[in-house]
mmCIF file of all heavy atoms, coordinates in Angstrom:
data_MODEL
# 
_entry.id   MODEL 
# 
loop_
_atom_site.group_PDB 
_atom_site.id 
_atom_site.type_symbol 
_atom_site.label_atom_id 
_atom_site.label_alt_id 
_atom_site.label_comp_id 
_atom_site.label_asym_id 
_atom_site.label_entity_id 
_atom_site.label_seq_id 
_atom_site.pdbx_PDB_ins_code 
_atom_site.Cartn_x 
_atom_site.Cartn_y 
_atom_site.Cartn_z 
_atom_site.occupancy 
_atom_site.B_iso_or_equiv 
_atom_site.pdbx_formal_charge 
_atom_site.auth_seq_id 
_atom_site.auth_comp_id 
_atom_site.auth_asym_id 
_atom_site.auth_atom_id 
_atom_site.pdbx_PDB_model_num 
ATOM 1   N N   . LEU A 1 1  ? 0.856  -1.377  0.005   1.00 0.00 ? 1  LEU A N   1 
ATOM 2   C CA  . LEU A 1 1  ? -0.025 -0.005  0.012   1.00 0.00 ? 1  LEU A CA  1 
ATOM 3   C C   . LEU A 1 1  ? 0.874  1.236   0.037   1.00 0.00 ? 1  LEU A C   1 
ATOM 4   O O   . LEU A 1 1  ? 0.388  2.288   -0.548  1.00 0.00 ? 1  LEU A O   1 
ATOM 5   C CB  . LEU A 1 1  ? -0.886 -0.004  1.142   1.00 0.00 ? 1  LEU A CB  1 
ATOM 6   C CG  . LEU A 1 1  ? -1.991 -1.100  1.229   1.00 0.00 ? 1  LEU A CG  1 
ATOM 7   C CD1 . LEU A 1 1  ? -2.743 -1.017  2.538   1.00 0.00 ? 1  LEU A CD1 1 
ATOM 8   C CD2 . LEU A 1 1  ? -2.964 -0.967  0.076   1.00 0.00 ? 1  LEU A CD2 1 
ATOM 9   N N   . MET A 1 2  ? 2.021  1.232   0.489   1.00 0.00 ? 2  MET A N   1 
ATOM 10  C CA  . MET A 1 2  ? 2.922  2.382   0.672   1.00 0.00 ? 2  MET A CA  1 
ATOM 11  C C   . MET A 1 2  ? 3.954  2.598   -0.400  1.00 0.00 ? 2  MET A C   1 
ATOM 12  O O   . MET A 1 2  ? 4.931  3.217   -0.247  1.00 0.00 ? 2  MET A O   1 
ATOM 13  C CB  . MET A 1 2  ? 3.517  2.358   2.133   1.00 0.00 ? 2  MET A CB  1 
ATOM 14  C CG  . MET A 1 2  ? 2.496  2.490   3.246   1.00 0.00 ? 2  MET A CG  1 
ATOM 15  S SD  . MET A 1 2  ? 1.487  3.932   3.084   1.00 0.00 ? 2  MET A SD  1 
ATOM 16  C CE  . MET A 1 2  ? 2.563  5.112   3.611   1.00 0.00 ? 2  MET A CE  1 
ATOM 17  N N   . ALA A 1 3  ? 3.904  1.756   -1.363  1.00 0.00 ? 3  ALA A N   1 
ATOM 18  C CA  . ALA A 1 3  ? 4.855  1.758   -2.488  1.00 0.00 ? 3  ALA A CA  1 
ATOM 19  C C   . ALA A 1 3  ? 4.950  3.142   -3.176  1.00 0.00 ? 3  ALA A C   1 
ATOM 20  O O   . ALA A 1 3  ? 3.809  3.636   -3.551  1.00 0.00 ? 3  ALA A O   1 
ATOM 21  C CB  . ALA A 1 3  ? 4.681  0.639   -3.453  1.00 0.00 ? 3  ALA A CB  1 
ATOM 22  N N   . SER A 1 4  ? 6.129  3.627   -3.392  1.00 0.00 ? 4  SER A N   1 
ATOM 23  C CA  . SER A 1 4  ? 6.130  4.909   -4.163  1.00 0.00 ? 4  SER A CA  1 
ATOM 24  C C   . SER A 1 4  ? 6.379  4.777   -5.577  1.00 0.00 ? 4  SER A C   1 
ATOM 25  O O   . SER A 1 4  ? 6.091  5.551   -6.343  1.00 0.00 ? 4  SER A O   1 
ATOM 26  C CB  . SER A 1 4  ? 7.329  5.815   -3.475  1.00 0.00 ? 4  SER A CB  1 
ATOM 27  O OG  . SER A 1 4  ? 8.538  5.124   -3.633  1.00 0.00 ? 4  SER A OG  1 
ATOM 28  N N   . THR A 1 5  ? 6.969  3.629   -6.017  1.00 0.00 ? 5  THR A N   1 
ATOM 29  C CA  . THR A 1 5  ? 7.157  3.416   -7.395  1.00 0.00 ? 5  THR A CA  1 
ATOM 30  C C   . THR A 1 5  ? 6.618  1.927   -7.730  1.00 0.00 ? 5  THR A C   1 
ATOM 31  O O   . THR A 1 5  ? 6.443  1.111   -6.908  1.00 0.00 ? 5  THR A O   1 
ATOM 32  C CB  . THR A 1 5  ? 8.715  3.507   -7.807  1.00 0.00 ? 5  THR A CB  1 
ATOM 33  O OG1 . THR A 1 5  ? 9.297  2.431   -7.207  1.00 0.00 ? 5  THR A OG1 1 
ATOM 34  C CG2 . THR A 1 5  ? 9.322  4.910   -7.491  1.00 0.00 ? 5  THR A CG2 1 
ATOM 35  N N   . ARG A 1 6  ? 6.621  1.707   -9.161  1.00 0.00 ? 6  ARG A N   1 
ATOM 36  C CA  . ARG A 1 6  ? 6.294  0.420   -9.640  1.00 0.00 ? 6  ARG A CA  1 
ATOM 37  C C   . ARG A 1 6  ? 7.293  -0.633  -9.253  1.00 0.00 ? 6  ARG A C   1 
ATOM 38  O O   . ARG A 1 6  ? 6.911  -1.776  -9.019  1.00 0.00 ? 6  ARG A O   1 
ATOM 39  C CB  . ARG A 1 6  ? 6.075  0.440   -11.168 1.00 0.00 ? 6  ARG A CB  1 
ATOM 40  C CG  . ARG A 1 6  ? 4.774  1.056   -11.562 1.00 0.00 ? 6  ARG A CG  1 
ATOM 41  C CD  . ARG A 1 6  ? 4.526  0.848   -13.031 1.00 0.00 ? 6  ARG A CD  1 
ATOM 42  N NE  . ARG A 1 6  ? 4.983  -0.440  -13.661 1.00 0.00 ? 6  ARG A NE  1 
ATOM 43  C CZ  . ARG A 1 6  ? 4.437  -1.586  -13.523 1.00 0.00 ? 6  ARG A CZ  1 
ATOM 44  N NH1 . ARG A 1 6  ? 3.292  -1.623  -12.648 1.00 0.00 ? 6  ARG A NH1 1 
ATOM 45  N NH2 . ARG A 1 6  ? 4.849  -2.723  -14.067 1.00 0.00 ? 6  ARG A NH2 1 
ATOM 46  N N   . ARG A 1 7  ? 8.513  -0.235  -9.160  1.00 0.00 ? 7  ARG A N   1 
ATOM 47  C CA  . ARG A 1 7  ? 9.612  -1.065  -8.804  1.00 0.00 ? 7  ARG A CA  1 
ATOM 48  C C   . ARG A 1 7  ? 9.375  -1.728  -7.535  1.00 0.00 ? 7  ARG A C   1 
ATOM 49  O O   . ARG A 1 7  ? 9.720  -2.847  -7.180  1.00 0.00 ? 7  ARG A O   1 
ATOM 50  C CB  . ARG A 1 7  ? 11.004 -0.384  -8.893  1.00 0.00 ? 7  ARG A CB  1 
ATOM 51  C CG  . ARG A 1 7  ? 12.161 -1.322  -8.708  1.00 0.00 ? 7  ARG A CG  1 
ATOM 52  C CD  . ARG A 1 7  ? 13.438 -0.543  -8.622  1.00 0.00 ? 7  ARG A CD  1 
ATOM 53  N NE  . ARG A 1 7  ? 14.668 -1.263  -8.639  1.00 0.00 ? 7  ARG A NE  1 
ATOM 54  C CZ  . ARG A 1 7  ? 14.986 -2.254  -7.662  1.00 0.00 ? 7  ARG A CZ  1 
ATOM 55  N NH1 . ARG A 1 7  ? 14.173 -2.381  -6.658  1.00 0.00 ? 7  ARG A NH1 1 
ATOM 56  N NH2 . ARG A 1 7  ? 16.087 -2.946  -7.785  1.00 0.00 ? 7  ARG A NH2 1 
ATOM 57  N N   . GLU A 1 8  ? 8.886  -0.888  -6.557  1.00 0.00 ? 8  GLU A N   1 
ATOM 58  C CA  . GLU A 1 8  ? 8.754  -1.391  -5.113  1.00 0.00 ? 8  GLU A CA  1 
ATOM 59  C C   . GLU A 1 8  ? 7.457  -2.303  -5.037  1.00 0.00 ? 8  GLU A C   1 
ATOM 60  O O   . GLU A 1 8  ? 7.352  -3.168  -4.105  1.00 0.00 ? 8  GLU A O   1 
ATOM 61  C CB  . GLU A 1 8  ? 8.572  -0.186  -4.184  1.00 0.00 ? 8  GLU A CB  1 
ATOM 62  C CG  . GLU A 1 8  ? 9.774  0.660   -3.993  1.00 0.00 ? 8  GLU A CG  1 
ATOM 63  C CD  . GLU A 1 8  ? 9.453  1.844   -3.182  1.00 0.00 ? 8  GLU A CD  1 
ATOM 64  O OE1 . GLU A 1 8  ? 8.400  1.895   -2.591  1.00 0.00 ? 8  GLU A OE1 1 
ATOM 65  O OE2 . GLU A 1 8  ? 10.380 2.688   -3.086  1.00 0.00 ? 8  GLU A OE2 1 
ATOM 66  N N   . VAL A 1 9  ? 6.562  -2.164  -6.046  1.00 0.00 ? 9  VAL A N   1 
ATOM 67  C CA  . VAL A 1 9  ? 5.339  -2.860  -5.956  1.00 0.00 ? 9  VAL A CA  1 
ATOM 68  C C   . VAL A 1 9  ? 5.567  -4.488  -6.329  1.00 0.00 ? 9  VAL A C   1 
ATOM 69  O O   . VAL A 1 9  ? 5.231  -5.327  -5.665  1.00 0.00 ? 9  VAL A O   1 
ATOM 70  C CB  . VAL A 1 9  ? 4.219  -2.410  -6.806  1.00 0.00 ? 9  VAL A CB  1 
ATOM 71  C CG1 . VAL A 1 9  ? 3.010  -3.287  -6.980  1.00 0.00 ? 9  VAL A CG1 1 
ATOM 72  C CG2 . VAL A 1 9  ? 3.915  -1.014  -6.422  1.00 0.00 ? 9  VAL A CG2 1 
ATOM 73  N N   . ASP A 1 10 ? 6.195  -4.499  -7.428  1.00 0.00 ? 10 ASP A N   1 
ATOM 74  C CA  . ASP A 1 10 ? 6.435  -6.038  -7.937  1.00 0.00 ? 10 ASP A CA  1 
ATOM 75  C C   . ASP A 1 10 ? 7.797  -6.214  -8.663  1.00 0.00 ? 10 ASP A C   1 
ATOM 76  O O   . ASP A 1 10 ? 7.939  -5.873  -9.820  1.00 0.00 ? 10 ASP A O   1 
ATOM 77  C CB  . ASP A 1 10 ? 5.214  -6.316  -8.977  1.00 0.00 ? 10 ASP A CB  1 
ATOM 78  C CG  . ASP A 1 10 ? 5.302  -7.706  -9.556  1.00 0.00 ? 10 ASP A CG  1 
ATOM 79  O OD1 . ASP A 1 10 ? 5.737  -8.651  -8.847  1.00 0.00 ? 10 ASP A OD1 1 
ATOM 80  O OD2 . ASP A 1 10 ? 4.918  -7.881  -10.736 1.00 0.00 ? 10 ASP A OD2 1 
ATOM 81  N N   . VAL A 1 11 ? 8.724  -6.618  -7.993  1.00 0.00 ? 11 VAL A N   1 
ATOM 82  C CA  . VAL A 1 11 ? 10.017 -6.930  -8.502  1.00 0.00 ? 11 VAL A CA  1 
ATOM 83  C C   . VAL A 1 11 ? 10.127 -8.446  -8.712  1.00 0.00 ? 11 VAL A C   1 
ATOM 84  O O   . VAL A 1 11 ? 10.159 -9.104  -7.655  1.00 0.00 ? 11 VAL A O   1 
ATOM 85  C CB  . VAL A 1 11 ? 11.214 -6.420  -7.740  1.00 0.00 ? 11 VAL A CB  1 
ATOM 86  C CG1 . VAL A 1 11 ? 12.543 -6.762  -8.292  1.00 0.00 ? 11 VAL A CG1 1 
ATOM 87  C CG2 . VAL A 1 11 ? 11.019 -4.889  -7.461  1.00 0.00 ? 11 VAL A CG2 1 
ATOM 88  N N   . PRO A 1 12 ? 10.103 -8.883  -9.982  1.00 0.00 ? 12 PRO A N   1 
ATOM 89  C CA  . PRO A 1 12 ? 10.086 -10.455 -10.084 1.00 0.00 ? 12 PRO A CA  1 
ATOM 90  C C   . PRO A 1 12 ? 11.464 -10.910 -9.796  1.00 0.00 ? 12 PRO A C   1 
ATOM 91  O O   . PRO A 1 12 ? 12.475 -10.237 -9.987  1.00 0.00 ? 12 PRO A O   1 
ATOM 92  C CB  . PRO A 1 12 ? 9.829  -10.556 -11.635 1.00 0.00 ? 12 PRO A CB  1 
ATOM 93  C CG  . PRO A 1 12 ? 10.215 -9.247  -12.204 1.00 0.00 ? 12 PRO A CG  1 
ATOM 94  C CD  . PRO A 1 12 ? 10.017 -8.212  -11.123 1.00 0.00 ? 12 PRO A CD  1 
ATOM 95  N N   . SER A 1 13 ? 11.474 -12.153 -9.445  1.00 0.00 ? 13 SER A N   1 
ATOM 96  C CA  . SER A 1 13 ? 12.851 -12.871 -9.165  1.00 0.00 ? 13 SER A CA  1 
ATOM 97  C C   . SER A 1 13 ? 12.849 -13.957 -10.180 1.00 0.00 ? 13 SER A C   1 
ATOM 98  O O   . SER A 1 13 ? 11.898 -14.649 -10.431 1.00 0.00 ? 13 SER A O   1 
ATOM 99  C CB  . SER A 1 13 ? 13.056 -13.199 -7.716  1.00 0.00 ? 13 SER A CB  1 
ATOM 100 O OG  . SER A 1 13 ? 12.038 -14.225 -7.391  1.00 0.00 ? 13 SER A OG  1 
ATOM 101 N N   . TYR A 1 14 ? 13.989 -14.396 -10.539 1.00 0.00 ? 14 TYR A N   1 
ATOM 102 C CA  . TYR A 1 14 ? 14.233 -15.413 -11.518 1.00 0.00 ? 14 TYR A CA  1 
ATOM 103 C C   . TYR A 1 14 ? 15.305 -16.443 -10.858 1.00 0.00 ? 14 TYR A C   1 
ATOM 104 O O   . TYR A 1 14 ? 16.101 -16.103 -10.049 1.00 0.00 ? 14 TYR A O   1 
ATOM 105 C CB  . TYR A 1 14 ? 14.844 -14.939 -12.754 1.00 0.00 ? 14 TYR A CB  1 
ATOM 106 C CG  . TYR A 1 14 ? 13.995 -14.013 -13.484 1.00 0.00 ? 14 TYR A CG  1 
ATOM 107 C CD1 . TYR A 1 14 ? 14.009 -12.669 -13.262 1.00 0.00 ? 14 TYR A CD1 1 
ATOM 108 C CD2 . TYR A 1 14 ? 12.885 -14.486 -14.231 1.00 0.00 ? 14 TYR A CD2 1 
ATOM 109 C CE1 . TYR A 1 14 ? 13.225 -11.721 -13.862 1.00 0.00 ? 14 TYR A CE1 1 
ATOM 110 C CE2 . TYR A 1 14 ? 12.078 -13.554 -14.887 1.00 0.00 ? 14 TYR A CE2 1 
ATOM 111 C CZ  . TYR A 1 14 ? 12.238 -12.193 -14.609 1.00 0.00 ? 14 TYR A CZ  1 
ATOM 112 O OH  . TYR A 1 14 ? 11.379 -11.321 -15.269 1.00 0.00 ? 14 TYR A OH  1 
ATOM 113 N N   . PRO A 1 15 ? 15.092 -17.694 -11.174 1.00 0.00 ? 15 PRO A N   1 
ATOM 114 C CA  . PRO A 1 15 ? 16.202 -18.647 -10.759 1.00 0.00 ? 15 PRO A CA  1 
ATOM 115 C C   . PRO A 1 15 ? 17.503 -18.239 -11.243 1.00 0.00 ? 15 PRO A C   1 
ATOM 116 O O   . PRO A 1 15 ? 17.623 -17.697 -12.369 1.00 0.00 ? 15 PRO A O   1 
ATOM 117 C CB  . PRO A 1 15 ? 15.729 -20.024 -11.215 1.00 0.00 ? 15 PRO A CB  1 
ATOM 118 C CG  . PRO A 1 15 ? 14.401 -19.822 -11.940 1.00 0.00 ? 15 PRO A CG  1 
ATOM 119 C CD  . PRO A 1 15 ? 14.186 -18.383 -11.935 1.00 0.00 ? 15 PRO A CD  1 
ATOM 120 N N   . LEU A 1 16 ? 18.678 -18.496 -10.564 1.00 0.00 ? 16 LEU A N   1 
ATOM 121 C CA  . LEU A 1 16 ? 19.919 -18.127 -10.916 1.00 0.00 ? 16 LEU A CA  1 
ATOM 122 C C   . LEU A 1 16 ? 20.314 -18.832 -12.254 1.00 0.00 ? 16 LEU A C   1 
ATOM 123 O O   . LEU A 1 16 ? 21.047 -18.167 -13.040 1.00 0.00 ? 16 LEU A O   1 
ATOM 124 C CB  . LEU A 1 16 ? 20.977 -18.461 -9.801  1.00 0.00 ? 16 LEU A CB  1 
ATOM 125 C CG  . LEU A 1 16 ? 22.434 -18.107 -10.071 1.00 0.00 ? 16 LEU A CG  1 
ATOM 126 C CD1 . LEU A 1 16 ? 22.569 -16.516 -10.265 1.00 0.00 ? 16 LEU A CD1 1 
ATOM 127 C CD2 . LEU A 1 16 ? 23.411 -18.544 -8.955  1.00 0.00 ? 16 LEU A CD2 1 
ATOM 128 N N   . TRP A 1 17 ? 19.937 -20.037 -12.421 1.00 0.00 ? 17 TRP A N   1 
ATOM 129 C CA  . TRP A 1 17 ? 20.291 -20.793 -13.507 1.00 0.00 ? 17 TRP A CA  1 
ATOM 130 C C   . TRP A 1 17 ? 19.807 -20.113 -14.799 1.00 0.00 ? 17 TRP A C   1 
ATOM 131 O O   . TRP A 1 17 ? 20.407 -20.097 -15.889 1.00 0.00 ? 17 TRP A O   1 
ATOM 132 C CB  . TRP A 1 17 ? 19.906 -22.157 -13.464 1.00 0.00 ? 17 TRP A CB  1 
ATOM 133 C CG  . TRP A 1 17 ? 18.389 -22.445 -13.520 1.00 0.00 ? 17 TRP A CG  1 
ATOM 134 C CD1 . TRP A 1 17 ? 17.588 -22.517 -12.422 1.00 0.00 ? 17 TRP A CD1 1 
ATOM 135 C CD2 . TRP A 1 17 ? 17.528 -22.452 -14.649 1.00 0.00 ? 17 TRP A CD2 1 
ATOM 136 N NE1 . TRP A 1 17 ? 16.134 -22.662 -12.788 1.00 0.00 ? 17 TRP A NE1 1 
ATOM 137 C CE2 . TRP A 1 17 ? 16.182 -22.706 -14.172 1.00 0.00 ? 17 TRP A CE2 1 
ATOM 138 C CE3 . TRP A 1 17 ? 17.641 -22.392 -16.006 1.00 0.00 ? 17 TRP A CE3 1 
ATOM 139 C CZ2 . TRP A 1 17 ? 15.055 -22.691 -15.020 1.00 0.00 ? 17 TRP A CZ2 1 
ATOM 140 C CZ3 . TRP A 1 17 ? 16.652 -22.511 -16.894 1.00 0.00 ? 17 TRP A CZ3 1 
ATOM 141 C CH2 . TRP A 1 17 ? 15.288 -22.626 -16.434 1.00 0.00 ? 17 TRP A CH2 1 
ATOM 142 N N   . LEU A 1 18 ? 18.563 -19.436 -14.842 1.00 0.00 ? 18 LEU A N   1 
ATOM 143 C CA  . LEU A 1 18 ? 17.988 -18.774 -15.902 1.00 0.00 ? 18 LEU A CA  1 
ATOM 144 C C   . LEU A 1 18 ? 18.743 -17.494 -16.241 1.00 0.00 ? 18 LEU A C   1 
ATOM 145 O O   . LEU A 1 18 ? 18.914 -17.317 -17.461 1.00 0.00 ? 18 LEU A O   1 
ATOM 146 C CB  . LEU A 1 18 ? 16.557 -18.426 -15.545 1.00 0.00 ? 18 LEU A CB  1 
ATOM 147 C CG  . LEU A 1 18 ? 15.733 -17.717 -16.757 1.00 0.00 ? 18 LEU A CG  1 
ATOM 148 C CD1 . LEU A 1 18 ? 15.522 -18.707 -17.825 1.00 0.00 ? 18 LEU A CD1 1 
ATOM 149 C CD2 . LEU A 1 18 ? 14.390 -17.242 -16.392 1.00 0.00 ? 18 LEU A CD2 1 
ATOM 150 N N   . LEU A 1 19 ? 19.261 -16.832 -15.325 1.00 0.00 ? 19 LEU A N   1 
ATOM 151 C CA  . LEU A 1 19 ? 20.031 -15.587 -15.493 1.00 0.00 ? 19 LEU A CA  1 
ATOM 152 C C   . LEU A 1 19 ? 21.380 -15.926 -16.223 1.00 0.00 ? 19 LEU A C   1 
ATOM 153 O O   . LEU A 1 19 ? 21.965 -15.063 -16.892 1.00 0.00 ? 19 LEU A O   1 
ATOM 154 C CB  . LEU A 1 19 ? 20.274 -14.873 -14.262 1.00 0.00 ? 19 LEU A CB  1 
ATOM 155 C CG  . LEU A 1 19 ? 19.018 -14.292 -13.544 1.00 0.00 ? 19 LEU A CG  1 
ATOM 156 C CD1 . LEU A 1 19 ? 19.380 -13.675 -12.138 1.00 0.00 ? 19 LEU A CD1 1 
ATOM 157 C CD2 . LEU A 1 19 ? 18.329 -13.342 -14.373 1.00 0.00 ? 19 LEU A CD2 1 
ATOM 158 N N   . ILE A 1 20 ? 21.821 -17.149 -16.067 1.00 0.00 ? 20 ILE A N   1 
ATOM 159 C CA  . ILE A 1 20 ? 23.186 -17.630 -16.677 1.00 0.00 ? 20 ILE A CA  1 
ATOM 160 C C   . ILE A 1 20 ? 22.858 -18.199 -17.935 1.00 0.00 ? 20 ILE A C   1 
ATOM 161 O O   . ILE A 1 20 ? 23.546 -17.912 -18.924 1.00 0.00 ? 20 ILE A O   1 
ATOM 162 C CB  . ILE A 1 20 ? 23.856 -18.552 -15.720 1.00 0.00 ? 20 ILE A CB  1 
ATOM 163 C CG1 . ILE A 1 20 ? 24.330 -17.775 -14.498 1.00 0.00 ? 20 ILE A CG1 1 
ATOM 164 C CG2 . ILE A 1 20 ? 25.026 -19.122 -16.375 1.00 0.00 ? 20 ILE A CG2 1 
ATOM 165 C CD1 . ILE A 1 20 ? 24.801 -18.676 -13.308 1.00 0.00 ? 20 ILE A CD1 1 
ATOM 166 N N   . VAL A 1 21 ? 21.818 -19.195 -18.068 1.00 0.00 ? 21 VAL A N   1 
ATOM 167 C CA  . VAL A 1 21 ? 21.534 -19.847 -19.183 1.00 0.00 ? 21 VAL A CA  1 
ATOM 168 C C   . VAL A 1 21 ? 20.888 -19.043 -20.342 1.00 0.00 ? 21 VAL A C   1 
ATOM 169 O O   . VAL A 1 21 ? 21.382 -19.146 -21.480 1.00 0.00 ? 21 VAL A O   1 
ATOM 170 C CB  . VAL A 1 21 ? 20.694 -21.025 -18.866 1.00 0.00 ? 21 VAL A CB  1 
ATOM 171 C CG1 . VAL A 1 21 ? 20.156 -21.774 -20.087 1.00 0.00 ? 21 VAL A CG1 1 
ATOM 172 C CG2 . VAL A 1 21 ? 21.411 -22.115 -18.073 1.00 0.00 ? 21 VAL A CG2 1 
ATOM 173 N N   . ALA A 1 22 ? 19.923 -18.177 -20.109 1.00 0.00 ? 22 ALA A N   1 
ATOM 174 C CA  . ALA A 1 22 ? 19.240 -17.291 -21.111 1.00 0.00 ? 22 ALA A CA  1 
ATOM 175 C C   . ALA A 1 22 ? 20.200 -16.579 -21.919 1.00 0.00 ? 22 ALA A C   1 
ATOM 176 O O   . ALA A 1 22 ? 20.210 -16.642 -23.059 1.00 0.00 ? 22 ALA A O   1 
ATOM 177 C CB  . ALA A 1 22 ? 18.222 -16.474 -20.427 1.00 0.00 ? 22 ALA A CB  1 
ATOM 178 N N   . PRO A 1 23 ? 21.072 -15.771 -21.315 1.00 0.00 ? 23 PRO A N   1 
ATOM 179 C CA  . PRO A 1 23 ? 22.007 -14.934 -22.255 1.00 0.00 ? 23 PRO A CA  1 
ATOM 180 C C   . PRO A 1 23 ? 23.000 -15.797 -23.061 1.00 0.00 ? 23 PRO A C   1 
ATOM 181 O O   . PRO A 1 23 ? 23.166 -15.638 -24.208 1.00 0.00 ? 23 PRO A O   1 
ATOM 182 C CB  . PRO A 1 23 ? 22.810 -14.193 -21.238 1.00 0.00 ? 23 PRO A CB  1 
ATOM 183 C CG  . PRO A 1 23 ? 22.077 -14.083 -20.017 1.00 0.00 ? 23 PRO A CG  1 
ATOM 184 C CD  . PRO A 1 23 ? 21.365 -15.421 -19.904 1.00 0.00 ? 23 PRO A CD  1 
ATOM 185 N N   . PHE A 1 24 ? 23.504 -16.814 -22.489 1.00 0.00 ? 24 PHE A N   1 
ATOM 186 C CA  . PHE A 1 24 ? 24.467 -17.750 -23.210 1.00 0.00 ? 24 PHE A CA  1 
ATOM 187 C C   . PHE A 1 24 ? 23.683 -18.647 -24.220 1.00 0.00 ? 24 PHE A C   1 
ATOM 188 O O   . PHE A 1 24 ? 24.184 -18.802 -25.359 1.00 0.00 ? 24 PHE A O   1 
ATOM 189 C CB  . PHE A 1 24 ? 25.260 -18.659 -22.190 1.00 0.00 ? 24 PHE A CB  1 
ATOM 190 C CG  . PHE A 1 24 ? 26.349 -17.989 -21.482 1.00 0.00 ? 24 PHE A CG  1 
ATOM 191 C CD1 . PHE A 1 24 ? 26.259 -17.678 -20.163 1.00 0.00 ? 24 PHE A CD1 1 
ATOM 192 C CD2 . PHE A 1 24 ? 27.495 -17.560 -22.167 1.00 0.00 ? 24 PHE A CD2 1 
ATOM 193 C CE1 . PHE A 1 24 ? 27.193 -16.942 -19.595 1.00 0.00 ? 24 PHE A CE1 1 
ATOM 194 C CE2 . PHE A 1 24 ? 28.479 -16.857 -21.537 1.00 0.00 ? 24 PHE A CE2 1 
ATOM 195 C CZ  . PHE A 1 24 ? 28.438 -16.587 -20.273 1.00 0.00 ? 24 PHE A CZ  1 
ATOM 196 N N   . ALA A 1 25 ? 22.441 -19.039 -23.974 1.00 0.00 ? 25 ALA A N   1 
ATOM 197 C CA  . ALA A 1 25 ? 21.675 -19.725 -25.013 1.00 0.00 ? 25 ALA A CA  1 
ATOM 198 C C   . ALA A 1 25 ? 21.363 -18.765 -26.153 1.00 0.00 ? 25 ALA A C   1 
ATOM 199 O O   . ALA A 1 25 ? 21.453 -19.208 -27.310 1.00 0.00 ? 25 ALA A O   1 
ATOM 200 C CB  . ALA A 1 25 ? 20.455 -20.230 -24.306 1.00 0.00 ? 25 ALA A CB  1 
ATOM 201 N N   . ALA A 1 26 ? 21.009 -17.483 -25.829 1.00 0.00 ? 26 ALA A N   1 
ATOM 202 C CA  . ALA A 1 26 ? 20.707 -16.619 -26.861 1.00 0.00 ? 26 ALA A CA  1 
ATOM 203 C C   . ALA A 1 26 ? 22.002 -16.273 -27.726 1.00 0.00 ? 26 ALA A C   1 
ATOM 204 O O   . ALA A 1 26 ? 21.834 -16.236 -28.992 1.00 0.00 ? 26 ALA A O   1 
ATOM 205 C CB  . ALA A 1 26 ? 20.150 -15.226 -26.344 1.00 0.00 ? 26 ALA A CB  1 
ATOM 206 N N   . LEU A 1 27 ? 23.117 -16.016 -27.162 1.00 0.00 ? 27 LEU A N   1 
ATOM 207 C CA  . LEU A 1 27 ? 24.220 -15.825 -27.881 1.00 0.00 ? 27 LEU A CA  1 
ATOM 208 C C   . LEU A 1 27 ? 24.695 -17.020 -28.586 1.00 0.00 ? 27 LEU A C   1 
ATOM 209 O O   . LEU A 1 27 ? 25.144 -16.963 -29.905 1.00 0.00 ? 27 LEU A O   1 
ATOM 210 C CB  . LEU A 1 27 ? 25.424 -15.465 -26.888 1.00 0.00 ? 27 LEU A CB  1 
ATOM 211 C CG  . LEU A 1 27 ? 25.349 -14.160 -26.199 1.00 0.00 ? 27 LEU A CG  1 
ATOM 212 C CD1 . LEU A 1 27 ? 26.291 -14.141 -25.010 1.00 0.00 ? 27 LEU A CD1 1 
ATOM 213 C CD2 . LEU A 1 27 ? 25.658 -13.042 -27.261 1.00 0.00 ? 27 LEU A CD2 1 
# 
């Protein structure tokens, strides 16, 4: 209720493996 920006409202989190695999798979 007291969030001042959209960033504070909903910041998604991702599994660490996805943050590593997605860029290398794309490249």
